[in-house]
Amino acid sequence: MKVNKMLCIIAGAAIALGAAASGVAIAMGAGRADSGEKQTRTAAADISKINIKANADDIIIVSADTDKISLTYTTGRTKQYDFRVDGETLSLISVPRNLLNFKWYDYVSFNIGGNKNKIEMTVPNGFSADFVLENDYGSMNVSDVGGSMKADSDCGSVTIERCGFSDLSCDTDYGKLTLTEVSAGDVSVDSDCGDVTVEKCSFSDFSCDADYGKLSLTEVSAGNMRIDSDCGGIMMTDVTSNLKAYCNYGNITLDRFFGENIILENDCGNISGTILGKKEDYTIAAKTDAGENNLENRTGGVYNLNASVDAGSIDIRFLK
C-alpha cells in the first residue's frame, strides 16, 4: 500500500514537473508557428555537379524552357540551409541543429510531423550534371535530366522518370522506389523496406538488393541483371536480360521473359512464367526439393536456364 502511494506521488510530481517545463517553454516561445521564409537562388547553367542534402523536406527537380538554374526552399527558426556555388559545383546543405544556437526550449515542439516543405529546383531543358541527393525525411522526385545520379533516402519515396544517366545509384531505407522511362549504364538499387517498380527502362547492368518489398519490372531491357530479394516477390513482364535472381521468401514470376543465361533460385516460393523462345534452345538444369517441376533437364542448347527451389514448385513454359 505504501509502495503504491509512493509511486503515485512520484508520478504526480513528474507530471507536474513536465507541465511546468512545457509552460516555461511556451512562454519562452516554444511551440509557436514557424511558417518559415521562402528563399530563391539562381545559378548559371554551366554547373556540372549538384549536391543537395535535406533534413525534412521534399526534393523536386524538373526541367523547363530557361537558361539558368533556379532553386527555391524554405528556412525558419528551426531550419536553415547553406547554399553555395563553388566553381561548377552547386550545393544546398541542411545546417545541423547543433549549429543553429538552439535554446533548450527550441526542442519543445507541438507540431506533430515537423515543418516539412519543398526544395524545388528547375534546370534548363536537356540539362546534365552529376547529382548527389540525400534526404533524411521526405520524398524525392526527379524528371527530365541527365548526367549521373546518386540518391539516398532514409524515409521517403524516390521517383525518377524520363532521365538518362551514365550510372544511377539509389539507396532507400523506408519508402517506395519508382523508375520510369530511365536509361542508364550501371544501375544499383538497395532497398531496405519498400516496393521497387521499374517500367519502360533500358540499362547496361542492373543490380538490386531488396530486404522487404515487392520488385516489379515491366518493359525493361539490360545487358545483365542481378536481383537478391529477402522477403517479397519478383515479377518481370516483357523483360530482356541475362538474369541471376535469388529470393528467400516470395514467388519469382516471369512473363514473356528472354535471356540467354538465366539463373533462378528460390528458398521458399514458386518459380513460374513464360520464356520467349523454344525449349530446345536452352540447356536446362532444374530441381525442386519439395514441390512439382515441369522442366526436364537437357543439354545441347545455345542458351542456359538453371532453376532451383527448396520449398515450392517450378512451372515454366516456352513461347515459340
C-alpha atoms as a PDB file:
ATOM      1  CA  MET A   1       0.000   0.000   0.000  1.00  0.00           C
ATOM      2  CA  LYS A   2       2.793   2.389   0.961  1.00  0.00           C
ATOM      3  CA  VAL A   3       4.660   1.451  -2.237  1.00  0.00           C
ATOM      4  CA  ASN A   4       1.624   2.266  -4.399  1.00  0.00           C
ATOM      5  CA  LYS A   5       1.193   5.575  -2.613  1.00  0.00           C
ATOM      6  CA  MET A   6       4.834   6.443  -3.168  1.00  0.00           C
ATOM      7  CA  LEU A   7       4.571   5.563  -6.875  1.00  0.00           C
ATOM      8  CA  CYS A   8       1.519   7.803  -7.231  1.00  0.00           C
ATOM      9  CA  ILE A   9       3.383  10.668  -5.538  1.00  0.00           C
ATOM     10  CA  ILE A  10       6.369  10.219  -7.871  1.00  0.00           C
ATOM     11  CA  ALA A  11       4.145  10.028 -10.954  1.00  0.00           C
ATOM     12  CA  GLY A  12       2.233  13.124  -9.904  1.00  0.00           C
ATOM     13  CA  ALA A  13       5.443  15.031  -9.300  1.00  0.00           C
ATOM     14  CA  ALA A  14       6.768  14.008 -12.732  1.00  0.00           C
ATOM     15  CA  ILE A  15       3.564  15.162 -14.438  1.00  0.00           C
ATOM     16  CA  ALA A  16       3.636  18.462 -12.588  1.00  0.00           C
ATOM     17  CA  LEU A  17       7.288  18.993 -13.454  1.00  0.00           C
ATOM     18  CA  GLY A  18       6.618  18.217 -17.120  1.00  0.00           C
ATOM     19  CA  ALA A  19       3.675  20.595 -17.228  1.00  0.00           C
ATOM     20  CA  ALA A  20       5.749  23.325 -15.616  1.00  0.00           C
ATOM     21  CA  ALA A  21       8.592  22.805 -18.082  1.00  0.00           C
ATOM     22  CA  SER A  22       6.154  22.918 -21.005  1.00  0.00           C
ATOM     23  CA  GLY A  23       4.625  26.111 -19.648  1.00  0.00           C
ATOM     24  CA  VAL A  24       8.033  27.754 -19.338  1.00  0.00           C
ATOM     25  CA  ALA A  25       8.952  26.556 -22.847  1.00  0.00           C
ATOM     26  CA  ILE A  26       5.760  28.022 -24.285  1.00  0.00           C
ATOM     27  CA  ALA A  27       6.413  31.293 -22.504  1.00  0.00           C
ATOM     28  CA  MET A  28       9.907  31.361 -24.000  1.00  0.00           C
ATOM     29  CA  GLY A  29       8.494  30.819 -27.480  1.00  0.00           C
ATOM     30  CA  ALA A  30       8.417  27.056 -27.954  1.00  0.00           C
ATOM     31  CA  GLY A  31       5.519  25.727 -29.973  1.00  0.00           C
ATOM     32  CA  ARG A  32       4.915  28.976 -31.820  1.00  0.00           C
ATOM     33  CA  ALA A  33       4.251  28.628 -35.527  1.00  0.00           C
ATOM     34  CA  ASP A  34       7.370  28.597 -37.690  1.00  0.00           C
ATOM     35  CA  SER A  35       5.967  29.095 -41.149  1.00  0.00           C
ATOM     36  CA  GLY A  36       9.423  29.926 -42.467  1.00  0.00           C
ATOM     37  CA  GLU A  37      10.661  32.237 -45.164  1.00  0.00           C
ATOM     38  CA  LYS A  38      10.899  31.196 -48.788  1.00  0.00           C
ATOM     39  CA  GLN A  39      14.320  31.638 -50.368  1.00  0.00           C
ATOM     40  CA  THR A  40      15.136  31.737 -54.085  1.00  0.00           C
ATOM     41  CA  ARG A  41      18.618  31.320 -55.508  1.00  0.00           C
ATOM     42  CA  THR A  42      19.852  31.168 -59.099  1.00  0.00           C
ATOM     43  CA  ALA A  43      22.987  29.933 -60.808  1.00  0.00           C
ATOM     44  CA  ALA A  44      24.371  29.778 -64.324  1.00  0.00           C
ATOM     45  CA  ALA A  45      23.636  26.698 -66.407  1.00  0.00           C
ATOM     46  CA  ASP A  46      27.320  25.676 -66.577  1.00  0.00           C
ATOM     47  CA  ILE A  47      27.030  23.793 -63.271  1.00  0.00           C
ATOM     48  CA  SER A  48      28.322  20.225 -63.608  1.00  0.00           C
ATOM     49  CA  LYS A  49      27.760  18.887 -60.081  1.00  0.00           C
ATOM     50  CA  ILE A  50      24.770  19.333 -57.772  1.00  0.00           C
ATOM     51  CA  ASN A  51      24.729  18.301 -54.097  1.00  0.00           C
ATOM     52  CA  ILE A  52      21.505  18.553 -52.109  1.00  0.00           C
ATOM     53  CA  LYS A  53      21.213  17.298 -48.551  1.00  0.00           C
ATOM     54  CA  ALA A  54      17.823  17.815 -46.921  1.00  0.00           C
ATOM     55  CA  ASN A  55      16.712  17.105 -43.379  1.00  0.00           C
ATOM     56  CA  ALA A  56      12.920  17.006 -43.626  1.00  0.00           C
ATOM     57  CA  ASP A  57      11.879  18.494 -46.967  1.00  0.00           C
ATOM     58  CA  ASP A  58      10.706  17.010 -50.251  1.00  0.00           C
ATOM     59  CA  ILE A  59      13.189  17.380 -53.116  1.00  0.00           C
ATOM     60  CA  ILE A  60      11.767  18.124 -56.570  1.00  0.00           C
ATOM     61  CA  ILE A  61      13.917  18.569 -59.694  1.00  0.00           C
ATOM     62  CA  VAL A  62      12.341  19.406 -63.068  1.00  0.00           C
ATOM     63  CA  SER A  63      13.401  20.942 -66.367  1.00  0.00           C
ATOM     64  CA  ALA A  64      11.890  23.911 -68.157  1.00  0.00           C
ATOM     65  CA  ASP A  65      12.467  26.352 -71.003  1.00  0.00           C
ATOM     66  CA  THR A  66      15.001  28.500 -69.151  1.00  0.00           C
ATOM     67  CA  ASP A  67      18.682  29.434 -69.447  1.00  0.00           C
ATOM     68  CA  LYS A  68      19.565  29.235 -65.734  1.00  0.00           C
ATOM     69  CA  ILE A  69      19.184  27.096 -62.644  1.00  0.00           C
ATOM     70  CA  SER A  70      16.721  28.260 -60.027  1.00  0.00           C
ATOM     71  CA  LEU A  71      16.337  26.857 -56.539  1.00  0.00           C
ATOM     72  CA  THR A  72      13.542  27.576 -54.087  1.00  0.00           C
ATOM     73  CA  TYR A  73      13.493  26.395 -50.481  1.00  0.00           C
ATOM     74  CA  THR A  74      12.220  27.466 -47.059  1.00  0.00           C
ATOM     75  CA  THR A  75      14.194  28.457 -43.980  1.00  0.00           C
ATOM     76  CA  GLY A  76      12.998  29.256 -40.484  1.00  0.00           C
ATOM     77  CA  ARG A  77      13.777  29.342 -36.788  1.00  0.00           C
ATOM     78  CA  THR A  78      14.414  25.601 -36.666  1.00  0.00           C
ATOM     79  CA  LYS A  79      15.661  25.027 -40.225  1.00  0.00           C
ATOM     80  CA  GLN A  80      18.482  26.602 -42.200  1.00  0.00           C
ATOM     81  CA  TYR A  81      20.288  25.695 -45.410  1.00  0.00           C
ATOM     82  CA  ASP A  82      23.771  26.542 -46.612  1.00  0.00           C
ATOM     83  CA  PHE A  83      23.621  27.488 -50.299  1.00  0.00           C
ATOM     84  CA  ARG A  84      26.791  27.970 -52.244  1.00  0.00           C
ATOM     85  CA  VAL A  85      28.281  27.799 -55.721  1.00  0.00           C
ATOM     86  CA  ASP A  86      31.930  26.799 -55.881  1.00  0.00           C
ATOM     87  CA  GLY A  87      33.166  26.741 -59.452  1.00  0.00           C
ATOM     88  CA  GLU A  88      30.943  24.272 -61.289  1.00  0.00           C
ATOM     89  CA  THR A  89      29.512  22.759 -58.091  1.00  0.00           C
ATOM     90  CA  LEU A  90      26.192  23.866 -56.606  1.00  0.00           C
ATOM     91  CA  SER A  91      25.413  22.776 -53.044  1.00  0.00           C
ATOM     92  CA  LEU A  92      22.423  23.126 -50.771  1.00  0.00           C
ATOM     93  CA  ILE A  93      23.147  21.515 -47.403  1.00  0.00           C
ATOM     94  CA  SER A  94      20.909  21.387 -44.348  1.00  0.00           C
ATOM     95  CA  VAL A  95      22.625  23.079 -41.407  1.00  0.00           C
ATOM     96  CA  PRO A  96      22.898  20.711 -38.404  1.00  0.00           C
ATOM     97  CA  ARG A  97      20.732  21.758 -35.487  1.00  0.00           C
ATOM     98  CA  ASN A  98      23.693  21.921 -33.142  1.00  0.00           C
ATOM     99  CA  LEU A  99      24.981  24.856 -35.226  1.00  0.00           C
ATOM    100  CA  LEU A 100      21.736  26.845 -35.052  1.00  0.00           C
ATOM    101  CA  ASN A 101      22.233  28.181 -31.494  1.00  0.00           C
ATOM    102  CA  PHE A 102      19.152  26.376 -30.244  1.00  0.00           C
ATOM    103  CA  LYS A 103      17.963  27.019 -26.730  1.00  0.00           C
ATOM    104  CA  TRP A 104      16.623  24.135 -24.721  1.00  0.00           C
ATOM    105  CA  TYR A 105      13.037  25.220 -25.322  1.00  0.00           C
ATOM    106  CA  ASP A 106      13.515  25.211 -29.104  1.00  0.00           C
ATOM    107  CA  TYR A 107      13.498  21.416 -28.911  1.00  0.00           C
ATOM    108  CA  VAL A 108       9.962  21.504 -27.473  1.00  0.00           C
ATOM    109  CA  SER A 109       7.530  21.252 -30.361  1.00  0.00           C
ATOM    110  CA  PHE A 110       3.795  20.635 -30.550  1.00  0.00           C
ATOM    111  CA  ASN A 111       3.855  20.451 -34.341  1.00  0.00           C
ATOM    112  CA  ILE A 112       3.496  16.733 -34.995  1.00  0.00           C
ATOM    113  CA  GLY A 113       5.436  15.779 -38.118  1.00  0.00           C
ATOM    114  CA  GLY A 114       7.622  18.878 -38.109  1.00  0.00           C
ATOM    115  CA  ASN A 115       7.785  21.647 -40.693  1.00  0.00           C
ATOM    116  CA  LYS A 116       8.217  19.819 -43.981  1.00  0.00           C
ATOM    117  CA  ASN A 117       8.445  21.985 -47.084  1.00  0.00           C
ATOM    118  CA  LYS A 118       9.766  21.585 -50.604  1.00  0.00           C
ATOM    119  CA  ILE A 119      13.138  22.123 -52.181  1.00  0.00           C
ATOM    120  CA  GLU A 120      12.292  22.865 -55.810  1.00  0.00           C
ATOM    121  CA  MET A 121      14.978  23.042 -58.475  1.00  0.00           C
ATOM    122  CA  THR A 122      14.352  23.995 -62.094  1.00  0.00           C
ATOM    123  CA  VAL A 123      17.061  23.406 -64.691  1.00  0.00           C
ATOM    124  CA  PRO A 124      17.194  24.095 -68.450  1.00  0.00           C
ATOM    125  CA  ASN A 125      15.805  21.514 -70.848  1.00  0.00           C
ATOM    126  CA  GLY A 126      18.463  18.957 -71.730  1.00  0.00           C
ATOM    127  CA  PHE A 127      20.482  19.734 -68.580  1.00  0.00           C
ATOM    128  CA  SER A 128      23.082  17.201 -67.389  1.00  0.00           C
ATOM    129  CA  ALA A 129      25.112  17.086 -64.190  1.00  0.00           C
ATOM    130  CA  ASP A 130      26.384  14.735 -61.514  1.00  0.00           C
ATOM    131  CA  PHE A 131      23.557  14.720 -58.943  1.00  0.00           C
ATOM    132  CA  VAL A 132      24.082  13.682 -55.319  1.00  0.00           C
ATOM    133  CA  LEU A 133      20.821  13.802 -53.351  1.00  0.00           C
ATOM    134  CA  GLU A 134      20.376  12.901 -49.677  1.00  0.00           C
ATOM    135  CA  ASN A 135      17.223  13.156 -47.605  1.00  0.00           C
ATOM    136  CA  ASP A 136      16.529  12.137 -44.014  1.00  0.00           C
ATOM    137  CA  TYR A 137      12.754  12.502 -44.113  1.00  0.00           C
ATOM    138  CA  GLY A 138      10.939  13.437 -47.298  1.00  0.00           C
ATOM    139  CA  SER A 139      10.359  12.303 -50.858  1.00  0.00           C
ATOM    140  CA  MET A 140      12.473  12.799 -53.974  1.00  0.00           C
ATOM    141  CA  ASN A 141      11.019  13.435 -57.427  1.00  0.00           C
ATOM    142  CA  VAL A 142      13.405  13.881 -60.358  1.00  0.00           C
ATOM    143  CA  SER A 143      12.436  14.185 -64.012  1.00  0.00           C
ATOM    144  CA  ASP A 144      13.910  15.060 -67.409  1.00  0.00           C
ATOM    145  CA  VAL A 145      17.582  15.437 -66.502  1.00  0.00           C
ATOM    146  CA  GLY A 146      20.801  13.660 -67.454  1.00  0.00           C
ATOM    147  CA  GLY A 147      24.340  13.055 -66.220  1.00  0.00           C
ATOM    148  CA  SER A 148      24.663  10.721 -63.236  1.00  0.00           C
ATOM    149  CA  MET A 149      22.573  10.251 -60.118  1.00  0.00           C
ATOM    150  CA  LYS A 150      23.161   9.077 -56.561  1.00  0.00           C
ATOM    151  CA  ALA A 151      20.011   9.215 -54.418  1.00  0.00           C
ATOM    152  CA  ASP A 152      19.997   8.274 -50.732  1.00  0.00           C
ATOM    153  CA  SER A 153      16.703   8.403 -48.814  1.00  0.00           C
ATOM    154  CA  ASP A 154      16.264   7.397 -45.167  1.00  0.00           C
ATOM    155  CA  CYS A 155      12.486   7.740 -45.009  1.00  0.00           C
ATOM    156  CA  GLY A 156      10.536   8.740 -48.090  1.00  0.00           C
ATOM    157  CA  SER A 157       9.706   7.652 -51.620  1.00  0.00           C
ATOM    158  CA  VAL A 158      12.029   8.146 -54.591  1.00  0.00           C
ATOM    159  CA  THR A 159      10.600   8.702 -58.098  1.00  0.00           C
ATOM    160  CA  ILE A 160      12.805   9.160 -61.163  1.00  0.00           C
ATOM    161  CA  GLU A 161      11.320   9.473 -64.632  1.00  0.00           C
ATOM    162  CA  ARG A 162      12.316  10.370 -68.174  1.00  0.00           C
ATOM    163  CA  CYS A 163      16.008  10.628 -67.338  1.00  0.00           C
ATOM    164  CA  GLY A 164      19.228   9.454 -68.966  1.00  0.00           C
ATOM    165  CA  PHE A 165      22.258   8.706 -66.773  1.00  0.00           C
ATOM    166  CA  SER A 166      25.701   7.271 -67.266  1.00  0.00           C
ATOM    167  CA  ASP A 167      25.150   5.498 -63.934  1.00  0.00           C
ATOM    168  CA  LEU A 168      22.464   5.507 -61.274  1.00  0.00           C
ATOM    169  CA  SER A 169      22.573   4.518 -57.604  1.00  0.00           C
ATOM    170  CA  CYS A 170      19.521   4.510 -55.323  1.00  0.00           C
ATOM    171  CA  ASP A 171      19.584   3.611 -51.629  1.00  0.00           C
ATOM    172  CA  THR A 172      16.276   3.696 -49.744  1.00  0.00           C
ATOM    173  CA  ASP A 173      15.672   2.668 -46.133  1.00  0.00           C
ATOM    174  CA  TYR A 174      11.888   3.139 -45.883  1.00  0.00           C
ATOM    175  CA  GLY A 175       9.865   4.094 -48.926  1.00  0.00           C
ATOM    176  CA  LYS A 176       8.943   3.137 -52.475  1.00  0.00           C
ATOM    177  CA  LEU A 177      11.331   3.453 -55.381  1.00  0.00           C
ATOM    178  CA  THR A 178       9.935   4.042 -58.884  1.00  0.00           C
ATOM    179  CA  LEU A 179      11.962   4.292 -62.101  1.00  0.00           C
ATOM    180  CA  THR A 180      10.019   5.127 -65.268  1.00  0.00           C
ATOM    181  CA  GLU A 181      11.452   5.735 -68.747  1.00  0.00           C
ATOM    182  CA  VAL A 182      15.011   5.856 -67.459  1.00  0.00           C
ATOM    183  CA  SER A 183      18.055   4.889 -69.492  1.00  0.00           C
ATOM    184  CA  ALA A 184      21.361   4.360 -67.729  1.00  0.00           C
ATOM    185  CA  GLY A 185      24.630   2.463 -67.751  1.00  0.00           C
ATOM    186  CA  ASP A 186      25.252   0.743 -64.433  1.00  0.00           C
ATOM    187  CA  VAL A 187      22.252   0.845 -62.080  1.00  0.00           C
ATOM    188  CA  SER A 188      22.455  -0.154 -58.421  1.00  0.00           C
ATOM    189  CA  VAL A 189      19.403  -0.312 -56.141  1.00  0.00           C
ATOM    190  CA  ASP A 190      19.424  -1.073 -52.415  1.00  0.00           C
ATOM    191  CA  SER A 191      16.003  -1.096 -50.739  1.00  0.00           C
ATOM    192  CA  ASP A 192      15.581  -1.991 -47.070  1.00  0.00           C
ATOM    193  CA  CYS A 193      11.797  -1.673 -46.815  1.00  0.00           C
ATOM    194  CA  GLY A 194       9.573  -0.676 -49.721  1.00  0.00           C
ATOM    195  CA  ASP A 195       8.396  -1.782 -53.153  1.00  0.00           C
ATOM    196  CA  VAL A 196      10.638  -1.272 -56.186  1.00  0.00           C
ATOM    197  CA  THR A 197       8.910  -0.592 -59.525  1.00  0.00           C
ATOM    198  CA  VAL A 198      10.818  -0.271 -62.802  1.00  0.00           C
ATOM    199  CA  GLU A 199       8.953   0.448 -66.044  1.00  0.00           C
ATOM    200  CA  LYS A 200       9.996   1.172 -69.631  1.00  0.00           C
ATOM    201  CA  CYS A 201      13.699   1.390 -68.827  1.00  0.00           C
ATOM    202  CA  SER A 202      16.947   0.424 -70.514  1.00  0.00           C
ATOM    203  CA  PHE A 203      20.191  -0.294 -68.625  1.00  0.00           C
ATOM    204  CA  SER A 204      23.600  -1.729 -69.333  1.00  0.00           C
ATOM    205  CA  ASP A 205      23.646  -3.536 -65.992  1.00  0.00           C
ATOM    206  CA  PHE A 206      21.064  -3.645 -63.217  1.00  0.00           C
ATOM    207  CA  SER A 207      21.570  -4.901 -59.661  1.00  0.00           C
ATOM    208  CA  CYS A 208      19.006  -4.810 -56.873  1.00  0.00           C
ATOM    209  CA  ASP A 209      19.160  -5.850 -53.219  1.00  0.00           C
ATOM    210  CA  ALA A 210      15.721  -5.741 -51.599  1.00  0.00           C
ATOM    211  CA  ASP A 211      15.048  -6.747 -47.993  1.00  0.00           C
ATOM    212  CA  TYR A 212      11.270  -6.242 -47.606  1.00  0.00           C
ATOM    213  CA  GLY A 213       9.045  -5.338 -50.529  1.00  0.00           C
ATOM    214  CA  LYS A 214       7.924  -6.444 -53.969  1.00  0.00           C
ATOM    215  CA  LEU A 215      10.073  -5.960 -57.039  1.00  0.00           C
ATOM    216  CA  SER A 216       8.258  -5.360 -60.324  1.00  0.00           C
ATOM    217  CA  LEU A 217       9.908  -4.833 -63.723  1.00  0.00           C
ATOM    218  CA  THR A 218       7.876  -4.136 -66.881  1.00  0.00           C
ATOM    219  CA  GLU A 219       9.249  -3.464 -70.374  1.00  0.00           C
ATOM    220  CA  VAL A 220      12.860  -3.371 -69.219  1.00  0.00           C
ATOM    221  CA  SER A 221      15.997  -4.337 -71.103  1.00  0.00           C
ATOM    222  CA  ALA A 222      19.511  -4.751 -69.712  1.00  0.00           C
ATOM    223  CA  GLY A 223      22.729  -6.492 -70.561  1.00  0.00           C
ATOM    224  CA  ASN A 224      22.860  -8.200 -67.173  1.00  0.00           C
ATOM    225  CA  MET A 225      20.617  -8.286 -64.096  1.00  0.00           C
ATOM    226  CA  ARG A 226      21.339  -9.457 -60.570  1.00  0.00           C
ATOM    227  CA  ILE A 227      18.439  -9.435 -58.130  1.00  0.00           C
ATOM    228  CA  ASP A 228      18.512 -10.534 -54.496  1.00  0.00           C
ATOM    229  CA  SER A 229      15.217 -10.397 -52.579  1.00  0.00           C
ATOM    230  CA  ASP A 230      14.918 -11.432 -48.928  1.00  0.00           C
ATOM    231  CA  CYS A 231      11.175 -11.107 -48.427  1.00  0.00           C
ATOM    232  CA  GLY A 232       8.963 -10.136 -51.338  1.00  0.00           C
ATOM    233  CA  GLY A 233       8.070 -11.430 -54.756  1.00  0.00           C
ATOM    234  CA  ILE A 234       9.919 -10.770 -58.006  1.00  0.00           C
ATOM    235  CA  MET A 235       7.722 -10.130 -61.049  1.00  0.00           C
ATOM    236  CA  MET A 236       9.054  -9.476 -64.554  1.00  0.00           C
ATOM    237  CA  THR A 237       6.935  -8.719 -67.614  1.00  0.00           C
ATOM    238  CA  ASP A 238       8.394  -8.181 -71.099  1.00  0.00           C
ATOM    239  CA  VAL A 239      11.952  -8.094 -69.792  1.00  0.00           C
ATOM    240  CA  THR A 240      15.085  -8.915 -71.795  1.00  0.00           C
ATOM    241  CA  SER A 241      18.367  -9.576 -69.996  1.00  0.00           C
ATOM    242  CA  ASN A 242      20.797 -12.140 -68.722  1.00  0.00           C
ATOM    243  CA  LEU A 243      19.486 -12.809 -65.227  1.00  0.00           C
ATOM    244  CA  LYS A 244      20.566 -14.024 -61.813  1.00  0.00           C
ATOM    245  CA  ALA A 245      17.596 -13.853 -59.418  1.00  0.00           C
ATOM    246  CA  TYR A 246      17.619 -15.048 -55.806  1.00  0.00           C
ATOM    247  CA  CYS A 247      14.613 -14.996 -53.498  1.00  0.00           C
ATOM    248  CA  ASN A 248      14.338 -16.184 -49.899  1.00  0.00           C
ATOM    249  CA  TYR A 249      10.576 -15.770 -49.331  1.00  0.00           C
ATOM    250  CA  GLY A 250       8.243 -14.983 -52.222  1.00  0.00           C
ATOM    251  CA  ASN A 251       7.452 -16.063 -55.773  1.00  0.00           C
ATOM    252  CA  ILE A 252       9.556 -15.445 -58.862  1.00  0.00           C
ATOM    253  CA  THR A 253       7.266 -14.815 -61.843  1.00  0.00           C
ATOM    254  CA  LEU A 254       8.402 -14.277 -65.434  1.00  0.00           C
ATOM    255  CA  ASP A 255       6.010 -13.235 -68.198  1.00  0.00           C
ATOM    256  CA  ARG A 256       7.392 -13.172 -71.753  1.00  0.00           C
ATOM    257  CA  PHE A 257      10.971 -13.046 -70.490  1.00  0.00           C
ATOM    258  CA  PHE A 258      14.003 -13.506 -72.712  1.00  0.00           C
ATOM    259  CA  GLY A 259      17.581 -14.069 -71.657  1.00  0.00           C
ATOM    260  CA  GLU A 260      20.470 -16.093 -72.982  1.00  0.00           C
ATOM    261  CA  ASN A 261      21.654 -17.028 -69.486  1.00  0.00           C
ATOM    262  CA  ILE A 262      19.028 -17.360 -66.742  1.00  0.00           C
ATOM    263  CA  ILE A 263      19.637 -18.423 -63.138  1.00  0.00           C
ATOM    264  CA  LEU A 264      16.645 -18.588 -60.778  1.00  0.00           C
ATOM    265  CA  GLU A 265      16.946 -19.661 -57.147  1.00  0.00           C
ATOM    266  CA  ASN A 266      14.190 -19.628 -54.536  1.00  0.00           C
ATOM    267  CA  ASP A 267      14.285 -20.831 -50.941  1.00  0.00           C
ATOM    268  CA  CYS A 268      10.579 -20.616 -50.179  1.00  0.00           C
ATOM    269  CA  GLY A 269       8.218 -19.843 -53.058  1.00  0.00           C
ATOM    270  CA  ASN A 270       7.369 -20.810 -56.619  1.00  0.00           C
ATOM    271  CA  ILE A 271       9.167 -20.130 -59.881  1.00  0.00           C
ATOM    272  CA  SER A 272       6.742 -19.748 -62.780  1.00  0.00           C
ATOM    273  CA  GLY A 273       6.007 -17.931 -66.017  1.00  0.00           C
ATOM    274  CA  THR A 274       6.866 -17.880 -69.702  1.00  0.00           C
ATOM    275  CA  ILE A 275      10.125 -17.550 -71.621  1.00  0.00           C
ATOM    276  CA  LEU A 276      10.307 -16.327 -75.207  1.00  0.00           C
ATOM    277  CA  GLY A 277      11.920 -18.997 -77.368  1.00  0.00           C
ATOM    278  CA  LYS A 278      11.946 -22.732 -77.844  1.00  0.00           C
ATOM    279  CA  LYS A 279      12.771 -25.224 -75.125  1.00  0.00           C
ATOM    280  CA  GLU A 280      15.305 -26.790 -77.470  1.00  0.00           C
ATOM    281  CA  ASP A 281      17.283 -23.534 -77.474  1.00  0.00           C
ATOM    282  CA  TYR A 282      18.168 -23.994 -73.789  1.00  0.00           C
ATOM    283  CA  THR A 283      20.412 -26.254 -71.781  1.00  0.00           C
ATOM    284  CA  ILE A 284      18.224 -26.801 -68.725  1.00  0.00           C
ATOM    285  CA  ALA A 285      19.084 -27.754 -65.136  1.00  0.00           C
ATOM    286  CA  ALA A 286      16.044 -27.633 -62.854  1.00  0.00           C
ATOM    287  CA  LYS A 287      15.327 -29.158 -59.447  1.00  0.00           C
ATOM    288  CA  THR A 288      12.967 -28.853 -56.504  1.00  0.00           C
ATOM    289  CA  ASP A 289      13.396 -30.278 -53.019  1.00  0.00           C
ATOM    290  CA  ALA A 290       9.712 -30.087 -52.109  1.00  0.00           C
ATOM    291  CA  GLY A 291       7.355 -29.317 -54.976  1.00  0.00           C
ATOM    292  CA  GLU A 292       6.455 -30.076 -58.569  1.00  0.00           C
ATOM    293  CA  ASN A 293       8.722 -29.416 -61.532  1.00  0.00           C
ATOM    294  CA  ASN A 294       7.526 -29.273 -65.152  1.00  0.00           C
ATOM    295  CA  LEU A 295      11.025 -28.884 -66.643  1.00  0.00           C
ATOM    296  CA  GLU A 296      13.150 -31.758 -67.894  1.00  0.00           C
ATOM    297  CA  ASN A 297      16.892 -31.388 -67.681  1.00  0.00           C
ATOM    298  CA  ARG A 298      18.554 -31.342 -71.080  1.00  0.00           C
ATOM    299  CA  THR A 299      21.811 -30.402 -72.802  1.00  0.00           C
ATOM    300  CA  GLY A 300      22.732 -29.120 -76.241  1.00  0.00           C
ATOM    301  CA  GLY A 301      21.074 -25.716 -76.074  1.00  0.00           C
ATOM    302  CA  VAL A 302      22.764 -22.483 -77.122  1.00  0.00           C
ATOM    303  CA  TYR A 303      21.323 -20.731 -74.057  1.00  0.00           C
ATOM    304  CA  ASN A 304      21.250 -21.724 -70.380  1.00  0.00           C
ATOM    305  CA  LEU A 305      18.420 -21.991 -67.855  1.00  0.00           C
ATOM    306  CA  ASN A 306      19.066 -23.011 -64.251  1.00  0.00           C
ATOM    307  CA  ALA A 307      16.152 -23.096 -61.803  1.00  0.00           C
ATOM    308  CA  SER A 308      16.137 -24.464 -58.255  1.00  0.00           C
ATOM    309  CA  VAL A 309      13.608 -24.325 -55.420  1.00  0.00           C
ATOM    310  CA  ASP A 310      13.874 -25.608 -51.862  1.00  0.00           C
ATOM    311  CA  ALA A 311      10.200 -25.358 -50.891  1.00  0.00           C
ATOM    312  CA  GLY A 312       7.968 -24.627 -53.869  1.00  0.00           C
ATOM    313  CA  SER A 313       7.213 -25.607 -57.459  1.00  0.00           C
ATOM    314  CA  ILE A 314       8.652 -24.830 -60.881  1.00  0.00           C
ATOM    315  CA  ASP A 315       6.247 -24.172 -63.735  1.00  0.00           C
ATOM    316  CA  ILE A 316       7.987 -22.517 -66.690  1.00  0.00           C
ATOM    317  CA  ARG A 317       6.677 -22.675 -70.235  1.00  0.00           C
ATOM    318  CA  PHE A 318       8.244 -21.614 -73.527  1.00  0.00           C
ATOM    319  CA  LEU A 319       6.624 -19.395 -76.128  1.00  0.00           C
ATOM    320  CA  LYS A 320       7.886 -20.151 -79.630  1.00  0.00           C
END
